[in-house]
Amino acid sequence: MENNDFTVDTHAHVFAEDFKDDLAEVLQRSFDSGVHKVVMPNIDHASIDRMLEVEEAFPGRCFSTIGLHPTSVKKDFQRELYIVEEWLGKKKFVGIGETGTDLYWDKTYWNEQQEAFRVQADWARQFGLPIIIHCRETLDETIAML
């Protein structure tokens, strides 16, 4: 049976440490089961290099986005956003993200999460890129910000 569908995994952190020993096998199983392309949402500055290495190792199959995940938003979030902005000037990404809001684990940086989300949503508009939104325990607030 021929499968002409074009299947994209729109959200896979396959660059994470959990996959360092079996990444090729994990991706091959995914490809064998019909996934044609994998979009990898960034987490923070510490994940960028590994994410780009995976993209380079699987050209045309794995694609990077750039952003700051809401659970990585801390007191120094502006420094993190500066790094994201620098990367936007250096490389073409397929999207902005993963960004958004999350009050499930910690409510300490709620105001900072909102500001980081707004900045990244503005970049998505500015660069004409889709945005990958993380929203946990904040659906109404996230919709209002959009």
Protein backbone atom coordinates (compact mmCIF):
# COMPACT_ATOMS: atom_id res chain seq x y z
CA MET A 1 0.00 0.00 0.00
CA GLU A 2 1.44 3.35 -1.04
CA ASN A 3 1.18 6.22 1.41
CA ASN A 4 1.16 9.62 -0.29
CA ASP A 5 0.48 11.53 2.90
CA PHE A 6 3.01 14.10 3.99
CA THR A 7 3.33 13.72 7.74
CA VAL A 8 5.15 16.26 9.91
CA ASP A 9 5.86 15.90 13.60
CA THR A 10 5.38 19.53 14.57
CA HIS A 11 6.85 19.26 18.04
CA ALA A 12 9.71 16.97 18.99
CA HIS A 13 12.58 17.76 21.34
CA VAL A 14 14.71 14.99 19.83
CA PHE A 15 17.85 17.03 20.54
CA ALA A 16 17.30 16.48 24.28
CA GLU A 17 19.83 14.59 26.36
CA ASP A 18 17.35 11.69 26.64
CA PHE A 19 18.02 10.86 22.98
CA LYS A 20 21.79 11.27 22.86
CA ASP A 21 22.49 7.53 22.73
CA ASP A 22 19.78 6.42 20.31
CA LEU A 23 18.76 9.48 18.30
CA ALA A 24 19.40 7.90 14.90
CA GLU A 25 17.33 4.85 15.81
CA VAL A 26 14.50 6.95 17.25
CA LEU A 27 14.33 9.11 14.14
CA GLN A 28 14.61 6.12 11.81
CA ARG A 29 11.65 4.45 13.53
CA SER A 30 9.75 7.68 13.15
CA PHE A 31 10.63 7.96 9.45
CA ASP A 32 9.82 4.28 8.88
CA SER A 33 6.38 4.78 10.41
CA GLY A 34 5.55 7.59 8.00
CA VAL A 35 6.84 10.80 9.56
CA HIS A 36 8.58 12.75 6.80
CA LYS A 37 9.80 15.79 8.70
CA VAL A 38 10.38 16.76 12.33
CA VAL A 39 10.11 20.30 13.71
CA MET A 40 12.26 20.86 16.80
CA PRO A 41 11.16 23.68 19.12
CA ASN A 42 14.01 25.29 21.03
CA ILE A 43 14.00 25.50 24.83
CA ASP A 44 16.67 28.06 25.79
CA HIS A 45 20.28 29.03 25.01
CA ALA A 46 21.62 25.70 26.28
CA SER A 47 19.67 23.66 23.71
CA ILE A 48 20.52 25.64 20.57
CA ASP A 49 23.83 24.00 19.63
CA ARG A 50 22.56 20.46 20.02
CA MET A 51 19.35 21.27 18.14
CA LEU A 52 21.35 22.71 15.23
CA GLU A 53 23.62 19.64 15.25
CA VAL A 54 20.57 17.39 14.85
CA GLU A 55 19.26 19.58 12.03
CA GLU A 56 22.64 19.32 10.28
CA ALA A 57 22.83 15.54 10.80
CA PHE A 58 19.35 15.04 9.30
CA PRO A 59 19.10 17.64 6.51
CA GLY A 60 15.68 17.99 4.96
CA ARG A 61 14.20 15.88 7.75
CA CYS A 62 14.74 17.83 11.00
CA PHE A 63 14.08 21.57 11.22
CA SER A 64 14.87 24.02 14.02
CA THR A 65 12.79 26.79 15.51
CA ILE A 66 14.17 29.41 17.88
CA GLY A 67 12.59 30.67 21.06
CA LEU A 68 12.49 30.67 24.84
CA HIS A 69 10.27 28.09 26.52
CA PRO A 70 8.13 29.60 29.31
CA THR A 71 9.50 27.25 31.99
CA SER A 72 12.97 28.57 31.10
CA VAL A 73 11.87 32.16 31.73
CA LYS A 74 13.67 33.31 34.86
CA LYS A 75 15.03 36.57 36.23
CA ASP A 76 17.59 36.71 33.36
CA PHE A 77 14.97 36.14 30.62
CA GLN A 78 15.99 39.31 28.77
CA ARG A 79 19.48 37.89 28.26
CA GLU A 80 17.91 34.71 26.90
CA LEU A 81 15.75 36.74 24.52
CA TYR A 82 18.79 38.66 23.35
CA ILE A 83 20.39 35.34 22.36
CA VAL A 84 17.25 34.35 20.47
CA GLU A 85 17.24 37.70 18.68
CA GLU A 86 20.91 37.28 17.74
CA TRP A 87 20.15 33.87 16.21
CA LEU A 88 17.25 35.32 14.23
CA GLY A 89 19.77 37.62 12.58
CA LYS A 90 22.20 34.78 11.79
CA LYS A 91 20.11 31.88 10.55
CA LYS A 92 16.80 31.11 8.93
CA PHE A 93 14.50 29.12 11.22
CA VAL A 94 11.19 27.50 10.35
CA GLY A 95 9.39 29.14 13.28
CA ILE A 96 9.49 30.91 16.62
CA GLY A 97 9.19 28.75 19.67
CA GLU A 98 8.66 27.17 21.79
CA THR A 99 7.18 30.14 23.60
CA GLY A 100 4.08 30.78 25.64
CA THR A 101 2.99 30.62 29.24
CA ASP A 102 2.95 28.01 31.98
CA LEU A 103 1.68 28.28 35.54
CA TYR A 104 1.66 24.54 36.25
CA TRP A 105 5.11 24.22 37.83
CA ASP A 106 5.85 27.69 39.12
CA LYS A 107 4.09 31.06 39.24
CA THR A 108 7.19 33.08 40.24
CA TYR A 109 7.94 34.52 36.80
CA TRP A 110 4.41 35.00 35.47
CA ASN A 111 4.96 38.65 34.48
CA GLU A 112 8.25 37.79 32.81
CA GLN A 113 6.62 34.90 30.90
CA GLN A 114 3.99 37.27 29.55
CA GLU A 115 6.60 39.78 28.41
CA ALA A 116 8.76 37.07 26.82
CA PHE A 117 5.73 35.68 25.01
CA ARG A 118 4.74 39.09 23.64
CA VAL A 119 8.28 39.78 22.40
CA GLN A 120 8.47 36.42 20.63
CA ALA A 121 4.99 36.80 19.12
CA ASP A 122 6.14 40.16 17.73
CA TRP A 123 9.20 38.48 16.20
CA ALA A 124 6.97 35.86 14.58
CA ARG A 125 5.00 38.66 12.92
CA GLN A 126 8.13 40.62 12.02
CA PHE A 127 9.86 37.63 10.41
CA GLY A 128 6.71 36.12 8.93
CA LEU A 129 7.20 32.88 10.84
CA PRO A 130 4.73 30.53 12.48
CA ILE A 131 4.83 30.35 16.26
CA ILE A 132 4.82 27.26 18.48
CA ILE A 133 2.82 28.11 21.59
CA HIS A 134 3.15 26.30 24.90
CA CYS A 135 0.14 26.96 27.11
CA ARG A 136 -0.37 25.14 30.40
CA GLU A 137 -2.85 26.30 33.02
CA THR A 138 -3.04 29.65 31.17
CA LEU A 139 -5.35 29.17 28.21
CA ASP A 140 -7.57 32.21 28.74
CA GLU A 141 -4.62 34.48 29.49
CA THR A 142 -2.69 33.25 26.46
CA ILE A 143 -5.63 33.77 24.12
CA ALA A 144 -6.11 37.27 25.53
CA MET A 145 -2.46 38.12 24.86
CA LEU A 146 -2.70 36.91 21.28
